[in-house]
Full PDB file with SEQRES, HELIX, SHEET, SSBOND, CRYST1, ORIGX, SCALE, CONECT and MASTER records, all heavy atoms in Angstrom:
SEQRES   1 A   33  LEU THR ARG SER ILE VAL ASP GLN LEU ALA SER SER ASN          
SEQRES   2 A   33  TRP GLY ALA SER VAL ALA HIS ARG ASP LEU ALA ALA ALA          
SEQRES   3 A   33  PRO LEU PRO HIS LEU THR LEU                                  
HELIX    1 AA1 THR A    2  SER A   11  1                                  10    
CRYST1    1.000    1.000    1.000  90.00  90.00  90.00 P 1           1          
ORIGX1      1.000000  0.000000  0.000000        0.00000                         
ORIGX2      0.000000  1.000000  0.000000        0.00000                         
ORIGX3      0.000000  0.000000  1.000000        0.00000                         
SCALE1      1.000000  0.000000  0.000000        0.00000                         
SCALE2      0.000000  1.000000  0.000000        0.00000                         
SCALE3      0.000000  0.000000  1.000000        0.00000                         
ATOM      1  N   LEU A   1       4.868   2.349  10.228  1.00  0.00           N  
ATOM      2  CA  LEU A   1       5.267   3.575   9.457  1.00  0.00           C  
ATOM      3  C   LEU A   1       4.432   3.710   8.205  1.00  0.00           C  
ATOM      4  O   LEU A   1       4.101   4.861   7.880  1.00  0.00           O  
ATOM      5  CB  LEU A   1       6.781   3.489   9.206  1.00  0.00           C  
ATOM      6  CG  LEU A   1       7.607   3.571  10.454  1.00  0.00           C  
ATOM      7  CD1 LEU A   1       9.080   3.442  10.092  1.00  0.00           C  
ATOM      8  CD2 LEU A   1       7.340   4.747  11.352  1.00  0.00           C  
ATOM      9  N   THR A   2       4.247   2.633   7.451  1.00  0.00           N  
ATOM     10  CA  THR A   2       3.448   2.844   6.183  1.00  0.00           C  
ATOM     11  C   THR A   2       2.056   3.342   6.500  1.00  0.00           C  
ATOM     12  O   THR A   2       1.527   4.142   5.779  1.00  0.00           O  
ATOM     13  CB  THR A   2       3.393   1.561   5.350  1.00  0.00           C  
ATOM     14  OG1 THR A   2       2.790   0.502   6.091  1.00  0.00           O  
ATOM     15  CG2 THR A   2       4.751   1.165   4.815  1.00  0.00           C  
ATOM     16  N   ARG A   3       1.421   2.819   7.566  1.00  0.00           N  
ATOM     17  CA  ARG A   3       0.099   3.342   7.971  1.00  0.00           C  
ATOM     18  C   ARG A   3       0.151   4.791   8.288  1.00  0.00           C  
ATOM     19  O   ARG A   3      -0.724   5.578   7.846  1.00  0.00           O  
ATOM     20  CB  ARG A   3      -0.430   2.636   9.202  1.00  0.00           C  
ATOM     21  CG  ARG A   3      -1.119   1.263   8.833  1.00  0.00           C  
ATOM     22  CD  ARG A   3      -1.818   0.738  10.077  1.00  0.00           C  
ATOM     23  NE  ARG A   3      -1.037   0.511  11.261  1.00  0.00           N  
ATOM     24  CZ  ARG A   3      -0.315  -0.566  11.544  1.00  0.00           C  
ATOM     25  NH1 ARG A   3      -0.334  -1.538  10.728  1.00  0.00           N  
ATOM     26  NH2 ARG A   3       0.388  -0.601  12.639  1.00  0.00           N  
ATOM     27  N   SER A   4       1.178   5.226   8.987  1.00  0.00           N  
ATOM     28  CA  SER A   4       1.337   6.637   9.330  1.00  0.00           C  
ATOM     29  C   SER A   4       1.534   7.510   8.071  1.00  0.00           C  
ATOM     30  O   SER A   4       0.951   8.586   7.965  1.00  0.00           O  
ATOM     31  CB  SER A   4       2.549   6.882  10.233  1.00  0.00           C  
ATOM     32  OG  SER A   4       2.239   6.294  11.528  1.00  0.00           O  
ATOM     33  N   ILE A   5       2.312   6.963   7.132  1.00  0.00           N  
ATOM     34  CA  ILE A   5       2.568   7.747   5.930  1.00  0.00           C  
ATOM     35  C   ILE A   5       1.319   7.867   5.101  1.00  0.00           C  
ATOM     36  O   ILE A   5       0.912   8.931   4.655  1.00  0.00           O  
ATOM     37  CB  ILE A   5       3.687   7.044   5.110  1.00  0.00           C  
ATOM     38  CG1 ILE A   5       5.039   7.151   5.787  1.00  0.00           C  
ATOM     39  CG2 ILE A   5       3.725   7.703   3.650  1.00  0.00           C  
ATOM     40  CD1 ILE A   5       6.139   6.263   5.191  1.00  0.00           C  
ATOM     41  N   VAL A   6       0.579   6.767   4.877  1.00  0.00           N  
ATOM     42  CA  VAL A   6      -0.640   6.796   4.154  1.00  0.00           C  
ATOM     43  C   VAL A   6      -1.662   7.696   4.832  1.00  0.00           C  
ATOM     44  O   VAL A   6      -2.390   8.497   4.169  1.00  0.00           O  
ATOM     45  CB  VAL A   6      -1.191   5.353   3.948  1.00  0.00           C  
ATOM     46  CG1 VAL A   6      -2.620   5.416   3.362  1.00  0.00           C  
ATOM     47  CG2 VAL A   6      -0.316   4.604   3.013  1.00  0.00           C  
ATOM     48  N   ASP A   7      -1.740   7.678   6.157  1.00  0.00           N  
ATOM     49  CA  ASP A   7      -2.707   8.489   6.876  1.00  0.00           C  
ATOM     50  C   ASP A   7      -2.310  10.003   6.665  1.00  0.00           C  
ATOM     51  O   ASP A   7      -3.171  10.851   6.471  1.00  0.00           O  
ATOM     52  CB  ASP A   7      -2.719   8.215   8.371  1.00  0.00           C  
ATOM     53  CG  ASP A   7      -3.388   6.907   8.697  1.00  0.00           C  
ATOM     54  OD1 ASP A   7      -4.047   6.317   7.860  1.00  0.00           O  
ATOM     55  OD2 ASP A   7      -3.257   6.419   9.878  1.00  0.00           O  
ATOM     56  N   GLN A   8      -1.005  10.292   6.663  1.00  0.00           N  
ATOM     57  CA  GLN A   8      -0.542  11.660   6.427  1.00  0.00           C  
ATOM     58  C   GLN A   8      -0.921  12.104   5.031  1.00  0.00           C  
ATOM     59  O   GLN A   8      -1.364  13.262   4.858  1.00  0.00           O  
ATOM     60  CB  GLN A   8       1.000  11.752   6.664  1.00  0.00           C  
ATOM     61  CG  GLN A   8       1.682  13.023   6.198  1.00  0.00           C  
ATOM     62  CD  GLN A   8       1.446  14.160   7.181  1.00  0.00           C  
ATOM     63  OE1 GLN A   8       0.933  14.034   8.276  1.00  0.00           O  
ATOM     64  NE2 GLN A   8       1.820  15.369   6.733  1.00  0.00           N  
ATOM     65  N   LEU A   9      -0.648  11.268   4.056  1.00  0.00           N  
ATOM     66  CA  LEU A   9      -0.988  11.627   2.731  1.00  0.00           C  
ATOM     67  C   LEU A   9      -2.467  11.857   2.501  1.00  0.00           C  
ATOM     68  O   LEU A   9      -2.908  12.826   1.869  1.00  0.00           O  
ATOM     69  CB  LEU A   9      -0.516  10.552   1.712  1.00  0.00           C  
ATOM     70  CG  LEU A   9       0.998  10.192   1.734  1.00  0.00           C  
ATOM     71  CD1 LEU A   9       1.259   9.108   0.736  1.00  0.00           C  
ATOM     72  CD2 LEU A   9       1.837  11.414   1.468  1.00  0.00           C  
ATOM     73  N   ALA A  10      -3.293  10.925   3.029  1.00  0.00           N  
ATOM     74  CA  ALA A  10      -4.707  11.046   2.846  1.00  0.00           C  
ATOM     75  C   ALA A  10      -5.304  12.260   3.559  1.00  0.00           C  
ATOM     76  O   ALA A  10      -6.124  12.964   3.026  1.00  0.00           O  
ATOM     77  CB  ALA A  10      -5.416   9.783   3.357  1.00  0.00           C  
ATOM     78  N   SER A  11      -4.783  12.593   4.775  1.00  0.00           N  
ATOM     79  CA  SER A  11      -5.317  13.727   5.544  1.00  0.00           C  
ATOM     80  C   SER A  11      -4.856  15.018   4.821  1.00  0.00           C  
ATOM     81  O   SER A  11      -5.495  16.082   5.074  1.00  0.00           O  
ATOM     82  CB  SER A  11      -4.802  13.690   6.952  1.00  0.00           C  
ATOM     83  OG  SER A  11      -3.410  13.957   7.046  1.00  0.00           O  
ATOM     84  N   SER A  12      -3.797  14.993   4.064  1.00  0.00           N  
ATOM     85  CA  SER A  12      -3.306  16.202   3.369  1.00  0.00           C  
ATOM     86  C   SER A  12      -3.970  16.295   2.025  1.00  0.00           C  
ATOM     87  O   SER A  12      -3.573  17.178   1.190  1.00  0.00           O  
ATOM     88  CB  SER A  12      -1.781  16.144   3.200  1.00  0.00           C  
ATOM     89  OG  SER A  12      -1.220  16.122   4.477  1.00  0.00           O  
ATOM     90  N   ASN A  13      -4.917  15.417   1.699  1.00  0.00           N  
ATOM     91  CA  ASN A  13      -5.592  15.390   0.384  1.00  0.00           C  
ATOM     92  C   ASN A  13      -4.658  15.109  -0.728  1.00  0.00           C  
ATOM     93  O   ASN A  13      -4.874  15.598  -1.845  1.00  0.00           O  
ATOM     94  CB  ASN A  13      -6.414  16.689   0.198  1.00  0.00           C  
ATOM     95  CG  ASN A  13      -7.540  16.800   1.182  1.00  0.00           C  
ATOM     96  OD1 ASN A  13      -8.197  15.794   1.453  1.00  0.00           O  
ATOM     97  ND2 ASN A  13      -7.695  17.988   1.676  1.00  0.00           N  
ATOM     98  N   TRP A  14      -3.605  14.366  -0.503  1.00  0.00           N  
ATOM     99  CA  TRP A  14      -2.696  14.024  -1.573  1.00  0.00           C  
ATOM    100  C   TRP A  14      -3.266  12.889  -2.353  1.00  0.00           C  
ATOM    101  O   TRP A  14      -2.849  12.682  -3.497  1.00  0.00           O  
ATOM    102  CB  TRP A  14      -1.331  13.544  -1.049  1.00  0.00           C  
ATOM    103  CG  TRP A  14      -0.546  14.525  -0.320  1.00  0.00           C  
ATOM    104  CD1 TRP A  14      -0.924  15.754   0.143  1.00  0.00           C  
ATOM    105  CD2 TRP A  14       0.844  14.412   0.033  1.00  0.00           C  
ATOM    106  NE1 TRP A  14       0.153  16.379   0.764  1.00  0.00           N  
ATOM    107  CE2 TRP A  14       1.211  15.578   0.692  1.00  0.00           C  
ATOM    108  CE3 TRP A  14       1.771  13.406  -0.178  1.00  0.00           C  
ATOM    109  CZ2 TRP A  14       2.505  15.730   1.191  1.00  0.00           C  
ATOM    110  CZ3 TRP A  14       3.036  13.574   0.308  1.00  0.00           C  
ATOM    111  CH2 TRP A  14       3.407  14.716   0.974  1.00  0.00           C  
ATOM    112  N   GLY A  15      -4.099  12.089  -1.747  1.00  0.00           N  
ATOM    113  CA  GLY A  15      -4.598  10.963  -2.371  1.00  0.00           C  
ATOM    114  C   GLY A  15      -6.100  10.815  -2.337  1.00  0.00           C  
ATOM    115  O   GLY A  15      -6.658  10.904  -1.248  1.00  0.00           O  
ATOM    116  N   ALA A  16      -6.766  10.608  -3.423  1.00  0.00           N  
ATOM    117  CA  ALA A  16      -8.182  10.444  -3.437  1.00  0.00           C  
ATOM    118  C   ALA A  16      -8.528   8.981  -3.182  1.00  0.00           C  
ATOM    119  O   ALA A  16      -9.531   8.680  -2.590  1.00  0.00           O  
ATOM    120  CB  ALA A  16      -8.744  10.888  -4.791  1.00  0.00           C  
ATOM    121  N   SER A  17      -7.641   8.038  -3.569  1.00  0.00           N  
ATOM    122  CA  SER A  17      -7.910   6.621  -3.288  1.00  0.00           C  
ATOM    123  C   SER A  17      -6.614   5.951  -2.892  1.00  0.00           C  
ATOM    124  O   SER A  17      -5.521   6.402  -3.236  1.00  0.00           O  
ATOM    125  CB  SER A  17      -8.493   5.992  -4.525  1.00  0.00           C  
ATOM    126  OG  SER A  17      -7.544   5.961  -5.547  1.00  0.00           O  
ATOM    127  N   VAL A  18      -6.776   4.846  -2.123  1.00  0.00           N  
ATOM    128  CA  VAL A  18      -5.662   4.103  -1.673  1.00  0.00           C  
ATOM    129  C   VAL A  18      -5.902   2.619  -2.074  1.00  0.00           C  
ATOM    130  O   VAL A  18      -6.931   2.051  -1.741  1.00  0.00           O  
ATOM    131  CB  VAL A  18      -5.466   4.139  -0.150  1.00  0.00           C  
ATOM    132  CG1 VAL A  18      -4.339   3.304   0.306  1.00  0.00           C  
ATOM    133  CG2 VAL A  18      -5.251   5.648   0.309  1.00  0.00           C  
ATOM    134  N   ALA A  19      -4.895   2.063  -2.718  1.00  0.00           N  
ATOM    135  CA  ALA A  19      -4.920   0.611  -2.968  1.00  0.00           C  
ATOM    136  C   ALA A  19      -3.868  -0.035  -2.067  1.00  0.00           C  
ATOM    137  O   ALA A  19      -2.708   0.485  -2.025  1.00  0.00           O  
ATOM    138  CB  ALA A  19      -4.565   0.363  -4.490  1.00  0.00           C  
ATOM    139  N   HIS A  20      -4.213  -1.050  -1.383  1.00  0.00           N  
ATOM    140  CA  HIS A  20      -3.278  -1.733  -0.453  1.00  0.00           C  
ATOM    141  C   HIS A  20      -2.941  -3.129  -0.934  1.00  0.00           C  
ATOM    142  O   HIS A  20      -3.816  -3.897  -1.310  1.00  0.00           O  
ATOM    143  CB  HIS A  20      -3.870  -1.769   0.926  1.00  0.00           C  
ATOM    144  CG  HIS A  20      -2.894  -2.375   1.980  1.00  0.00           C  
ATOM    145  ND1 HIS A  20      -3.262  -3.443   2.722  1.00  0.00           N  
ATOM    146  CD2 HIS A  20      -1.682  -1.963   2.315  1.00  0.00           C  
ATOM    147  CE1 HIS A  20      -2.239  -3.700   3.549  1.00  0.00           C  
ATOM    148  NE2 HIS A  20      -1.314  -2.858   3.333  1.00  0.00           N  
ATOM    149  N   ARG A  21      -1.679  -3.400  -0.967  1.00  0.00           N  
ATOM    150  CA  ARG A  21      -1.222  -4.796  -1.336  1.00  0.00           C  
ATOM    151  C   ARG A  21      -0.339  -5.292  -0.201  1.00  0.00           C  
ATOM    152  O   ARG A  21       0.699  -4.672   0.097  1.00  0.00           O  
ATOM    153  CB  ARG A  21      -0.469  -4.794  -2.648  1.00  0.00           C  
ATOM    154  CG  ARG A  21      -0.026  -6.224  -3.045  1.00  0.00           C  
ATOM    155  CD  ARG A  21       0.602  -6.263  -4.453  1.00  0.00           C  
ATOM    156  NE  ARG A  21      -0.342  -6.138  -5.504  1.00  0.00           N  
ATOM    157  CZ  ARG A  21      -1.003  -7.174  -6.057  1.00  0.00           C  
ATOM    158  NH1 ARG A  21      -0.784  -8.394  -5.590  1.00  0.00           N  
ATOM    159  NH2 ARG A  21      -1.837  -6.989  -7.069  1.00  0.00           N  
ATOM    160  N   ASP A  22      -0.768  -6.392   0.450  1.00  0.00           N  
ATOM    161  CA  ASP A  22       0.036  -6.945   1.576  1.00  0.00           C  
ATOM    162  C   ASP A  22       0.743  -8.220   1.044  1.00  0.00           C  
ATOM    163  O   ASP A  22       0.126  -9.265   0.788  1.00  0.00           O  
ATOM    164  CB  ASP A  22      -0.891  -7.296   2.691  1.00  0.00           C  
ATOM    165  CG  ASP A  22      -0.200  -7.801   3.929  1.00  0.00           C  
ATOM    166  OD1 ASP A  22       0.937  -8.316   3.823  1.00  0.00           O  
ATOM    167  OD2 ASP A  22      -0.727  -7.618   5.096  1.00  0.00           O  
ATOM    168  N   LEU A  23       2.051  -8.022   0.829  1.00  0.00           N  
ATOM    169  CA  LEU A  23       2.822  -9.092   0.175  1.00  0.00           C  
ATOM    170  C   LEU A  23       3.169 -10.265   1.087  1.00  0.00           C  
ATOM    171  O   LEU A  23       3.515 -11.315   0.640  1.00  0.00           O  
ATOM    172  CB  LEU A  23       4.109  -8.541  -0.371  1.00  0.00           C  
ATOM    173  CG  LEU A  23       3.942  -7.413  -1.433  1.00  0.00           C  
ATOM    174  CD1 LEU A  23       5.278  -6.749  -1.769  1.00  0.00           C  
ATOM    175  CD2 LEU A  23       3.333  -8.030  -2.722  1.00  0.00           C  
ATOM    176  N   ALA A  24       2.957 -10.069   2.421  1.00  0.00           N  
ATOM    177  CA  ALA A  24       3.153 -11.190   3.363  1.00  0.00           C  
ATOM    178  C   ALA A  24       1.824 -12.007   3.457  1.00  0.00           C  
ATOM    179  O   ALA A  24       1.813 -13.208   3.516  1.00  0.00           O  
ATOM    180  CB  ALA A  24       3.541 -10.670   4.771  1.00  0.00           C  
ATOM    181  N   ALA A  25       0.691 -11.306   3.486  1.00  0.00           N  
ATOM    182  CA  ALA A  25      -0.609 -12.029   3.607  1.00  0.00           C  
ATOM    183  C   ALA A  25      -0.957 -12.664   2.284  1.00  0.00           C  
ATOM    184  O   ALA A  25      -1.632 -13.741   2.267  1.00  0.00           O  
ATOM    185  CB  ALA A  25      -1.685 -11.037   4.017  1.00  0.00           C  
ATOM    186  N   ALA A  26      -0.608 -12.042   1.170  1.00  0.00           N  
ATOM    187  CA  ALA A  26      -0.932 -12.602  -0.176  1.00  0.00           C  
ATOM    188  C   ALA A  26       0.276 -12.513  -1.016  1.00  0.00           C  
ATOM    189  O   ALA A  26       0.465 -11.669  -1.847  1.00  0.00           O  
ATOM    190  CB  ALA A  26      -2.076 -11.823  -0.768  1.00  0.00           C  
ATOM    191  N   PRO A  27       1.305 -13.423  -0.721  1.00  0.00           N  
ATOM    192  CA  PRO A  27       2.586 -13.307  -1.410  1.00  0.00           C  
ATOM    193  C   PRO A  27       2.459 -13.629  -2.882  1.00  0.00           C  
ATOM    194  O   PRO A  27       1.639 -14.467  -3.298  1.00  0.00           O  
ATOM    195  CB  PRO A  27       3.427 -14.347  -0.764  1.00  0.00           C  
ATOM    196  CG  PRO A  27       2.577 -15.261   0.031  1.00  0.00           C  
ATOM    197  CD  PRO A  27       1.307 -14.543   0.262  1.00  0.00           C  
ATOM    198  N   LEU A  28       3.266 -12.956  -3.671  1.00  0.00           N  
ATOM    199  CA  LEU A  28       3.376 -13.268  -5.117  1.00  0.00           C  
ATOM    200  C   LEU A  28       4.386 -14.407  -5.208  1.00  0.00           C  
ATOM    201  O   LEU A  28       5.390 -14.461  -4.537  1.00  0.00           O  
ATOM    202  CB  LEU A  28       3.927 -12.029  -5.829  1.00  0.00           C  
ATOM    203  CG  LEU A  28       3.052 -10.789  -5.806  1.00  0.00           C  
ATOM    204  CD1 LEU A  28       3.804  -9.573  -6.349  1.00  0.00           C  
ATOM    205  CD2 LEU A  28       1.757 -11.044  -6.672  1.00  0.00           C  
ATOM    206  N   PRO A  29       4.168 -15.289  -6.146  1.00  0.00           N  
ATOM    207  CA  PRO A  29       5.185 -16.376  -6.362  1.00  0.00           C  
ATOM    208  C   PRO A  29       6.401 -15.762  -6.935  1.00  0.00           C  
ATOM    209  O   PRO A  29       6.453 -14.660  -7.511  1.00  0.00           O  
ATOM    210  CB  PRO A  29       4.481 -17.354  -7.337  1.00  0.00           C  
ATOM    211  CG  PRO A  29       3.422 -16.521  -7.982  1.00  0.00           C  
ATOM    212  CD  PRO A  29       3.047 -15.454  -7.052  1.00  0.00           C  
ATOM    213  N   HIS A  30       7.518 -16.473  -6.797  1.00  0.00           N  
ATOM    214  CA  HIS A  30       8.755 -16.074  -7.459  1.00  0.00           C  
ATOM    215  C   HIS A  30       8.491 -15.897  -8.966  1.00  0.00           C  
ATOM    216  O   HIS A  30       7.637 -16.591  -9.502  1.00  0.00           O  
ATOM    217  CB  HIS A  30       9.906 -16.989  -7.180  1.00  0.00           C  
ATOM    218  CG  HIS A  30      10.403 -16.952  -5.723  1.00  0.00           C  
ATOM    219  ND1 HIS A  30      11.057 -15.908  -5.280  1.00  0.00           N  
ATOM    220  CD2 HIS A  30      10.122 -17.770  -4.721  1.00  0.00           C  
ATOM    221  CE1 HIS A  30      11.279 -16.075  -3.964  1.00  0.00           C  
ATOM    222  NE2 HIS A  30      10.745 -17.222  -3.626  1.00  0.00           N  
ATOM    223  N   LEU A  31       9.246 -15.089  -9.561  1.00  0.00           N  
ATOM    224  CA  LEU A  31       8.980 -14.766 -10.955  1.00  0.00           C  
ATOM    225  C   LEU A  31       9.263 -15.969 -11.887  1.00  0.00           C  
ATOM    226  O   LEU A  31      10.265 -16.632 -11.758  1.00  0.00           O  
ATOM    227  CB  LEU A  31       9.934 -13.602 -11.404  1.00  0.00           C  
ATOM    228  CG  LEU A  31       9.551 -12.984 -12.732  1.00  0.00           C  
ATOM    229  CD1 LEU A  31       8.198 -12.315 -12.702  1.00  0.00           C  
ATOM    230  CD2 LEU A  31      10.624 -11.841 -13.061  1.00  0.00           C  
ATOM    231  N   THR A  32       8.310 -16.157 -12.749  1.00  0.00           N  
ATOM    232  CA  THR A  32       8.436 -17.222 -13.831  1.00  0.00           C  
ATOM    233  C   THR A  32       7.978 -16.440 -15.094  1.00  0.00           C  
ATOM    234  O   THR A  32       7.345 -15.388 -15.075  1.00  0.00           O  
ATOM    235  CB  THR A  32       7.477 -18.378 -13.582  1.00  0.00           C  
ATOM    236  OG1 THR A  32       6.105 -17.907 -13.588  1.00  0.00           O  
ATOM    237  CG2 THR A  32       7.785 -19.089 -12.298  1.00  0.00           C  
ATOM    238  N   LEU A  33       8.208 -17.034 -16.263  1.00  0.00           N  
ATOM    239  CA  LEU A  33       7.755 -16.447 -17.516  1.00  0.00           C  
ATOM    240  C   LEU A  33       6.249 -16.295 -17.519  1.00  0.00           C  
ATOM    241  O   LEU A  33       5.721 -15.235 -17.923  1.00  0.00           O  
ATOM    242  CB  LEU A  33       8.242 -17.303 -18.655  1.00  0.00           C  
ATOM    243  CG  LEU A  33       8.035 -16.709 -20.043  1.00  0.00           C  
ATOM    244  CD1 LEU A  33       8.675 -15.315 -20.178  1.00  0.00           C  
ATOM    245  CD2 LEU A  33       8.503 -17.610 -21.104  1.00  0.00           C  
TER     246      LEU A  33                                                      
MASTER        0    0    0    1    0    0    0    6  245    1    0    3          
END                                                                             
């Protein structure tokens, strides 16, 4: 669904650029100070 949404937005010229963050492939550690 996110791929479909981003494709819809990009094809409608809503977005000039797309930044992708995959939190499963590159997880952030739990929050620390």
